[in-house]
């Protein structure tokens, strides 16, 4: 199970990569409501590796609808 501190750190880094305010991202954030494009997916893959040491595929992330589903993908690989 992921700790809230690690999730918060991941979301902060993701917000930085997406150039959005950190408070604008939460587990409930719908990906289609933010600048979610191929660059965002690549950034998410890199951050998952950096923060958790796991590899997500673009296809896996592309199927996610919100941040919680990305966190679930990460959690399932730990």
PDB file of N, CA and C in Angstrom:
ATOM      1  N   UNK A   1       0.837  -1.187   0.000  1.00  0.00           N
ATOM      2  CA  UNK A   1       0.000   0.000   0.000  1.00  0.00           C
ATOM      3  C   UNK A   1       0.879   1.247   0.000  1.00  0.00           C
ATOM      4  N   UNK A   2       0.458   2.225  -0.737  1.00  0.00           N
ATOM      5  CA  UNK A   2       1.209   3.468  -0.840  1.00  0.00           C
ATOM      6  C   UNK A   2       0.904   4.374   0.337  1.00  0.00           C
ATOM      7  N   UNK A   3       1.947   5.009   0.857  1.00  0.00           N
ATOM      8  CA  UNK A   3       1.748   5.980   1.912  1.00  0.00           C
ATOM      9  C   UNK A   3       1.279   7.305   1.341  1.00  0.00           C
ATOM     10  N   UNK A   4       0.495   8.027   2.117  1.00  0.00           N
ATOM     11  CA  UNK A   4      -0.035   9.316   1.669  1.00  0.00           C
ATOM     12  C   UNK A   4       1.082  10.304   1.360  1.00  0.00           C
ATOM     13  N   UNK A   5       2.183  10.218   2.104  1.00  0.00           N
ATOM     14  CA  UNK A   5       3.316  11.115   1.880  1.00  0.00           C
ATOM     15  C   UNK A   5       3.940  10.888   0.496  1.00  0.00           C
ATOM     16  N   UNK A   6       4.102   9.618   0.130  1.00  0.00           N
ATOM     17  CA  UNK A   6       4.672   9.291  -1.191  1.00  0.00           C
ATOM     18  C   UNK A   6       3.726   9.708  -2.314  1.00  0.00           C
ATOM     19  N   UNK A   7       2.437   9.526  -2.098  1.00  0.00           N
ATOM     20  CA  UNK A   7       1.449   9.930  -3.094  1.00  0.00           C
ATOM     21  C   UNK A   7       1.490  11.453  -3.265  1.00  0.00           C
ATOM     22  N   UNK A   8       1.543  12.167  -2.148  1.00  0.00           N
ATOM     23  CA  UNK A   8       1.578  13.635  -2.197  1.00  0.00           C
ATOM     24  C   UNK A   8       2.827  14.116  -2.939  1.00  0.00           C
ATOM     25  N   UNK A   9       3.955  13.477  -2.696  1.00  0.00           N
ATOM     26  CA  UNK A   9       5.206  13.839  -3.367  1.00  0.00           C
ATOM     27  C   UNK A   9       5.090  13.580  -4.875  1.00  0.00           C
ATOM     28  N   UNK A  10       4.509  12.444  -5.238  1.00  0.00           N
ATOM     29  CA  UNK A  10       4.301  12.101  -6.645  1.00  0.00           C
ATOM     30  C   UNK A  10       3.389  13.134  -7.313  1.00  0.00           C
ATOM     31  N   UNK A  11       2.278  13.474  -6.652  1.00  0.00           N
ATOM     32  CA  UNK A  11       1.334  14.443  -7.226  1.00  0.00           C
ATOM     33  C   UNK A  11       1.970  15.824  -7.373  1.00  0.00           C
ATOM     34  N   UNK A  12       2.810  16.190  -6.414  1.00  0.00           N
ATOM     35  CA  UNK A  12       3.501  17.481  -6.498  1.00  0.00           C
ATOM     36  C   UNK A  12       4.440  17.507  -7.705  1.00  0.00           C
ATOM     37  N   UNK A  13       5.182  16.415  -7.899  1.00  0.00           N
ATOM     38  CA  UNK A  13       6.079  16.321  -9.055  1.00  0.00           C
ATOM     39  C   UNK A  13       5.291  16.292 -10.358  1.00  0.00           C
ATOM     40  N   UNK A  14       4.169  15.601 -10.365  1.00  0.00           N
ATOM     41  CA  UNK A  14       3.327  15.540 -11.563  1.00  0.00           C
ATOM     42  C   UNK A  14       2.766  16.927 -11.892  1.00  0.00           C
ATOM     43  N   UNK A  15       2.330  17.650 -10.877  1.00  0.00           N
ATOM     44  CA  UNK A  15       1.819  19.004 -11.090  1.00  0.00           C
ATOM     45  C   UNK A  15       2.916  19.896 -11.673  1.00  0.00           C
ATOM     46  N   UNK A  16       4.133  19.751 -11.160  1.00  0.00           N
ATOM     47  CA  UNK A  16       5.261  20.523 -11.679  1.00  0.00           C
ATOM     48  C   UNK A  16       5.503  20.190 -13.152  1.00  0.00           C
ATOM     49  N   UNK A  17       5.474  18.901 -13.488  1.00  0.00           N
ATOM     50  CA  UNK A  17       5.701  18.472 -14.873  1.00  0.00           C
ATOM     51  C   UNK A  17       4.602  18.989 -15.804  1.00  0.00           C
ATOM     52  N   UNK A  18       3.374  19.057 -15.290  1.00  0.00           N
ATOM     53  CA  UNK A  18       2.237  19.517 -16.093  1.00  0.00           C
ATOM     54  C   UNK A  18       2.082  21.035 -16.067  1.00  0.00           C
ATOM     55  N   UNK A  19       2.923  21.667 -15.260  1.00  0.00           N
ATOM     56  CA  UNK A  19       2.877  23.124 -15.103  1.00  0.00           C
ATOM     57  C   UNK A  19       1.507  23.609 -14.643  1.00  0.00           C
ATOM     58  N   UNK A  20       0.983  22.918 -13.622  1.00  0.00           N
ATOM     59  CA  UNK A  20      -0.270  23.333 -12.986  1.00  0.00           C
ATOM     60  C   UNK A  20      -0.002  23.490 -11.488  1.00  0.00           C
ATOM     61  N   UNK A  21      -0.805  24.277 -10.792  1.00  0.00           N
ATOM     62  CA  UNK A  21      -0.609  24.422  -9.344  1.00  0.00           C
ATOM     63  C   UNK A  21      -0.802  23.075  -8.644  1.00  0.00           C
ATOM     64  N   UNK A  22       0.073  22.749  -7.673  1.00  0.00           N
ATOM     65  CA  UNK A  22      -0.031  21.454  -6.979  1.00  0.00           C
ATOM     66  C   UNK A  22      -1.414  21.201  -6.379  1.00  0.00           C
ATOM     67  N   UNK A  23      -2.064  22.249  -5.875  1.00  0.00           N
ATOM     68  CA  UNK A  23      -3.380  22.068  -5.260  1.00  0.00           C
ATOM     69  C   UNK A  23      -4.468  21.735  -6.281  1.00  0.00           C
ATOM     70  N   UNK A  24      -4.135  21.864  -7.574  1.00  0.00           N
ATOM     71  CA  UNK A  24      -5.141  21.554  -8.597  1.00  0.00           C
ATOM     72  C   UNK A  24      -5.222  20.056  -8.896  1.00  0.00           C
ATOM     73  N   UNK A  25      -4.265  19.268  -8.368  1.00  0.00           N
ATOM     74  CA  UNK A  25      -4.295  17.816  -8.576  1.00  0.00           C
ATOM     75  C   UNK A  25      -4.665  17.105  -7.282  1.00  0.00           C
ATOM     76  N   UNK A  26      -5.613  16.216  -7.390  1.00  0.00           N
ATOM     77  CA  UNK A  26      -5.988  15.350  -6.274  1.00  0.00           C
ATOM     78  C   UNK A  26      -6.315  13.981  -6.860  1.00  0.00           C
ATOM     79  N   UNK A  27      -6.597  13.044  -5.997  1.00  0.00           N
ATOM     80  CA  UNK A  27      -6.935  11.696  -6.467  1.00  0.00           C
ATOM     81  C   UNK A  27      -8.177  11.711  -7.356  1.00  0.00           C
ATOM     82  N   UNK A  28      -9.052  12.684  -7.139  1.00  0.00           N
ATOM     83  CA  UNK A  28     -10.306  12.745  -7.882  1.00  0.00           C
ATOM     84  C   UNK A  28     -10.180  13.489  -9.211  1.00  0.00           C
ATOM     85  N   UNK A  29      -9.038  14.108  -9.476  1.00  0.00           N
ATOM     86  CA  UNK A  29      -8.869  14.897 -10.693  1.00  0.00           C
ATOM     87  C   UNK A  29      -9.054  14.033 -11.936  1.00  0.00           C
ATOM     88  N   UNK A  30      -9.988  14.441 -12.789  1.00  0.00           N
ATOM     89  CA  UNK A  30     -10.226  13.756 -14.054  1.00  0.00           C
ATOM     90  C   UNK A  30      -9.141  14.190 -15.038  1.00  0.00           C
ATOM     91  N   UNK A  31      -8.532  13.228 -15.722  1.00  0.00           N
ATOM     92  CA  UNK A  31      -7.417  13.539 -16.618  1.00  0.00           C
ATOM     93  C   UNK A  31      -7.837  14.434 -17.774  1.00  0.00           C
ATOM     94  N   UNK A  32      -9.079  14.296 -18.237  1.00  0.00           N
ATOM     95  CA  UNK A  32      -9.507  15.138 -19.350  1.00  0.00           C
ATOM     96  C   UNK A  32      -9.787  16.582 -18.925  1.00  0.00           C
ATOM     97  N   UNK A  33      -9.692  16.870 -17.617  1.00  0.00           N
ATOM     98  CA  UNK A  33      -9.902  18.239 -17.139  1.00  0.00           C
ATOM     99  C   UNK A  33      -8.586  19.007 -17.013  1.00  0.00           C
ATOM    100  N   UNK A  34      -7.466  18.311 -17.249  1.00  0.00           N
ATOM    101  CA  UNK A  34      -6.147  18.952 -17.174  1.00  0.00           C
ATOM    102  C   UNK A  34      -5.428  18.754 -18.511  1.00  0.00           C
ATOM    103  N   UNK A  35      -4.254  19.327 -18.637  1.00  0.00           N
ATOM    104  CA  UNK A  35      -3.478  19.232 -19.886  1.00  0.00           C
ATOM    105  C   UNK A  35      -2.870  17.839 -20.010  1.00  0.00           C
ATOM    106  N   UNK A  36      -3.718  16.829 -20.232  1.00  0.00           N
ATOM    107  CA  UNK A  36      -3.263  15.437 -20.273  1.00  0.00           C
ATOM    108  C   UNK A  36      -3.050  15.028 -21.722  1.00  0.00           C
ATOM    109  N   UNK A  37      -1.774  14.974 -22.132  1.00  0.00           N
ATOM    110  CA  UNK A  37      -1.430  14.627 -23.507  1.00  0.00           C
ATOM    111  C   UNK A  37      -0.276  13.629 -23.488  1.00  0.00           C
ATOM    112  N   UNK A  38       0.319  13.387 -24.640  1.00  0.00           N
ATOM    113  CA  UNK A  38       1.397  12.389 -24.705  1.00  0.00           C
ATOM    114  C   UNK A  38       2.590  12.795 -23.848  1.00  0.00           C
ATOM    115  N   UNK A  39       2.885  14.071 -23.741  1.00  0.00           N
ATOM    116  CA  UNK A  39       3.983  14.524 -22.893  1.00  0.00           C
ATOM    117  C   UNK A  39       3.663  14.270 -21.415  1.00  0.00           C
ATOM    118  N   UNK A  40       2.420  14.461 -21.040  1.00  0.00           N
ATOM    119  CA  UNK A  40       1.997  14.190 -19.667  1.00  0.00           C
ATOM    120  C   UNK A  40       2.134  12.701 -19.349  1.00  0.00           C
ATOM    121  N   UNK A  41       1.790  11.850 -20.291  1.00  0.00           N
ATOM    122  CA  UNK A  41       1.916  10.402 -20.094  1.00  0.00           C
ATOM    123  C   UNK A  41       3.372  10.010 -19.917  1.00  0.00           C
ATOM    124  N   UNK A  42       4.248  10.558 -20.743  1.00  0.00           N
ATOM    125  CA  UNK A  42       5.682  10.265 -20.621  1.00  0.00           C
ATOM    126  C   UNK A  42       6.206  10.752 -19.274  1.00  0.00           C
ATOM    127  N   UNK A  43       5.781  11.938 -18.869  1.00  0.00           N
ATOM    128  CA  UNK A  43       6.193  12.472 -17.573  1.00  0.00           C
ATOM    129  C   UNK A  43       5.711  11.564 -16.439  1.00  0.00           C
ATOM    130  N   UNK A  44       4.495  11.076 -16.543  1.00  0.00           N
ATOM    131  CA  UNK A  44       3.931  10.199 -15.519  1.00  0.00           C
ATOM    132  C   UNK A  44       4.723   8.893 -15.433  1.00  0.00           C
ATOM    133  N   UNK A  45       5.096   8.344 -16.576  1.00  0.00           N
ATOM    134  CA  UNK A  45       5.905   7.122 -16.614  1.00  0.00           C
ATOM    135  C   UNK A  45       7.241   7.362 -15.913  1.00  0.00           C
ATOM    136  N   UNK A  46       7.899   8.480 -16.240  1.00  0.00           N
ATOM    137  CA  UNK A  46       9.191   8.803 -15.640  1.00  0.00           C
ATOM    138  C   UNK A  46       9.065   9.025 -14.137  1.00  0.00           C
ATOM    139  N   UNK A  47       8.010   9.704 -13.710  1.00  0.00           N
ATOM    140  CA  UNK A  47       7.828   9.978 -12.286  1.00  0.00           C
ATOM    141  C   UNK A  47       7.492   8.713 -11.501  1.00  0.00           C
ATOM    142  N   UNK A  48       6.739   7.803 -12.089  1.00  0.00           N
ATOM    143  CA  UNK A  48       6.441   6.537 -11.417  1.00  0.00           C
ATOM    144  C   UNK A  48       7.734   5.764 -11.188  1.00  0.00           C
ATOM    145  N   UNK A  49       8.623   5.787 -12.171  1.00  0.00           N
ATOM    146  CA  UNK A  49       9.917   5.123 -12.033  1.00  0.00           C
ATOM    147  C   UNK A  49      10.756   5.810 -10.963  1.00  0.00           C
ATOM    148  N   UNK A  50      10.802   7.134 -11.008  1.00  0.00           N
ATOM    149  CA  UNK A  50      11.621   7.908 -10.068  1.00  0.00           C
ATOM    150  C   UNK A  50      11.134   7.765  -8.626  1.00  0.00           C
ATOM    151  N   UNK A  51       9.825   7.867  -8.427  1.00  0.00           N
ATOM    152  CA  UNK A  51       9.267   7.858  -7.070  1.00  0.00           C
ATOM    153  C   UNK A  51       9.063   6.460  -6.498  1.00  0.00           C
ATOM    154  N   UNK A  52       8.750   5.491  -7.354  1.00  0.00           N
ATOM    155  CA  UNK A  52       8.366   4.176  -6.854  1.00  0.00           C
ATOM    156  C   UNK A  52       9.196   3.024  -7.410  1.00  0.00           C
ATOM    157  N   UNK A  53      10.056   3.309  -8.402  1.00  0.00           N
ATOM    158  CA  UNK A  53      10.892   2.257  -8.988  1.00  0.00           C
ATOM    159  C   UNK A  53      10.103   1.248  -9.803  1.00  0.00           C
ATOM    160  N   UNK A  54       9.003   1.687 -10.396  1.00  0.00           N
ATOM    161  CA  UNK A  54       8.184   0.778 -11.213  1.00  0.00           C
ATOM    162  C   UNK A  54       8.022   1.355 -12.616  1.00  0.00           C
ATOM    163  N   UNK A  55       7.680   0.483 -13.553  1.00  0.00           N
ATOM    164  CA  UNK A  55       7.480   0.902 -14.936  1.00  0.00           C
ATOM    165  C   UNK A  55       6.010   0.752 -15.305  1.00  0.00           C
ATOM    166  N   UNK A  56       5.433   1.866 -15.713  1.00  0.00           N
ATOM    167  CA  UNK A  56       4.075   1.849 -16.252  1.00  0.00           C
ATOM    168  C   UNK A  56       4.171   1.991 -17.760  1.00  0.00           C
ATOM    169  N   UNK A  57       3.252   1.387 -18.466  1.00  0.00           N
ATOM    170  CA  UNK A  57       3.246   1.553 -19.923  1.00  0.00           C
ATOM    171  C   UNK A  57       2.313   2.705 -20.292  1.00  0.00           C
ATOM    172  N   UNK A  58       2.574   3.279 -21.437  1.00  0.00           N
ATOM    173  CA  UNK A  58       1.704   4.327 -21.935  1.00  0.00           C
ATOM    174  C   UNK A  58       0.284   3.834 -22.105  1.00  0.00           C
ATOM    175  N   UNK A  59       0.153   2.587 -22.526  1.00  0.00           N
ATOM    176  CA  UNK A  59      -1.174   1.994 -22.726  1.00  0.00           C
ATOM    177  C   UNK A  59      -1.946   1.914 -21.404  1.00  0.00           C
ATOM    178  N   UNK A  60      -1.239   1.499 -20.331  1.00  0.00           N
ATOM    179  CA  UNK A  60      -1.890   1.420 -19.014  1.00  0.00           C
ATOM    180  C   UNK A  60      -2.391   2.800 -18.579  1.00  0.00           C
ATOM    181  N   UNK A  61      -1.524   3.790 -18.708  1.00  0.00           N
ATOM    182  CA  UNK A  61      -1.878   5.138 -18.276  1.00  0.00           C
ATOM    183  C   UNK A  61      -2.985   5.706 -19.152  1.00  0.00           C
ATOM    184  N   UNK A  62      -2.932   5.404 -20.427  1.00  0.00           N
ATOM    185  CA  UNK A  62      -3.938   5.907 -21.366  1.00  0.00           C
ATOM    186  C   UNK A  62      -5.342   5.428 -21.013  1.00  0.00           C
ATOM    187  N   UNK A  63      -5.445   4.309 -20.337  1.00  0.00           N
ATOM    188  CA  UNK A  63      -6.755   3.773 -19.962  1.00  0.00           C
ATOM    189  C   UNK A  63      -7.298   4.405 -18.682  1.00  0.00           C
ATOM    190  N   UNK A  64      -6.430   5.101 -17.938  1.00  0.00           N
ATOM    191  CA  UNK A  64      -6.867   5.740 -16.696  1.00  0.00           C
ATOM    192  C   UNK A  64      -7.732   6.957 -17.008  1.00  0.00           C
ATOM    193  N   UNK A  65      -8.740   7.148 -16.179  1.00  0.00           N
ATOM    194  CA  UNK A  65      -9.624   8.303 -16.345  1.00  0.00           C
ATOM    195  C   UNK A  65      -9.328   9.409 -15.343  1.00  0.00           C
ATOM    196  N   UNK A  66      -8.706   9.026 -14.208  1.00  0.00           N
ATOM    197  CA  UNK A  66      -8.407  10.023 -13.184  1.00  0.00           C
ATOM    198  C   UNK A  66      -7.106   9.661 -12.455  1.00  0.00           C
ATOM    199  N   UNK A  67      -6.668  10.550 -11.593  1.00  0.00           N
ATOM    200  CA  UNK A  67      -5.412  10.350 -10.866  1.00  0.00           C
ATOM    201  C   UNK A  67      -5.483   9.095  -9.998  1.00  0.00           C
ATOM    202  N   UNK A  68      -6.632   8.839  -9.370  1.00  0.00           N
ATOM    203  CA  UNK A  68      -6.764   7.648  -8.513  1.00  0.00           C
ATOM    204  C   UNK A  68      -6.468   6.377  -9.294  1.00  0.00           C
ATOM    205  N   UNK A  69      -6.892   6.295 -10.538  1.00  0.00           N
ATOM    206  CA  UNK A  69      -6.631   5.091 -11.335  1.00  0.00           C
ATOM    207  C   UNK A  69      -5.132   4.942 -11.630  1.00  0.00           C
ATOM    208  N   UNK A  70      -4.420   6.039 -11.766  1.00  0.00           N
ATOM    209  CA  UNK A  70      -2.961   5.969 -11.940  1.00  0.00           C
ATOM    210  C   UNK A  70      -2.316   5.487 -10.642  1.00  0.00           C
ATOM    211  N   UNK A  71      -2.780   6.006  -9.509  1.00  0.00           N
ATOM    212  CA  UNK A  71      -2.259   5.568  -8.213  1.00  0.00           C
ATOM    213  C   UNK A  71      -2.537   4.080  -8.016  1.00  0.00           C
ATOM    214  N   UNK A  72      -3.710   3.629  -8.427  1.00  0.00           N
ATOM    215  CA  UNK A  72      -4.044   2.203  -8.331  1.00  0.00           C
ATOM    216  C   UNK A  72      -3.097   1.360  -9.195  1.00  0.00           C
ATOM    217  N   UNK A  73      -2.777   1.839 -10.399  1.00  0.00           N
ATOM    218  CA  UNK A  73      -1.831   1.124 -11.263  1.00  0.00           C
ATOM    219  C   UNK A  73      -0.479   0.992 -10.563  1.00  0.00           C
ATOM    220  N   UNK A  74      -0.022   2.085  -9.976  1.00  0.00           N
ATOM    221  CA  UNK A  74       1.255   2.067  -9.257  1.00  0.00           C
ATOM    222  C   UNK A  74       1.191   1.095  -8.093  1.00  0.00           C
ATOM    223  N   UNK A  75       0.138   1.189  -7.308  1.00  0.00           N
ATOM    224  CA  UNK A  75      -0.029   0.331  -6.127  1.00  0.00           C
ATOM    225  C   UNK A  75      -0.035  -1.157  -6.509  1.00  0.00           C
ATOM    226  N   UNK A  76      -0.664  -1.477  -7.624  1.00  0.00           N
ATOM    227  CA  UNK A  76      -0.739  -2.881  -8.062  1.00  0.00           C
ATOM    228  C   UNK A  76       0.627  -3.433  -8.492  1.00  0.00           C
ATOM    229  N   UNK A  77       1.565  -2.547  -8.828  1.00  0.00           N
ATOM    230  CA  UNK A  77       2.892  -2.996  -9.272  1.00  0.00           C
ATOM    231  C   UNK A  77       3.896  -3.065  -8.135  1.00  0.00           C
ATOM    232  N   UNK A  78       3.520  -2.542  -6.966  1.00  0.00           N
ATOM    233  CA  UNK A  78       4.455  -2.567  -5.833  1.00  0.00           C
ATOM    234  C   UNK A  78       4.386  -3.875  -5.083  1.00  0.00           C
TER     235      UNK A  78
END
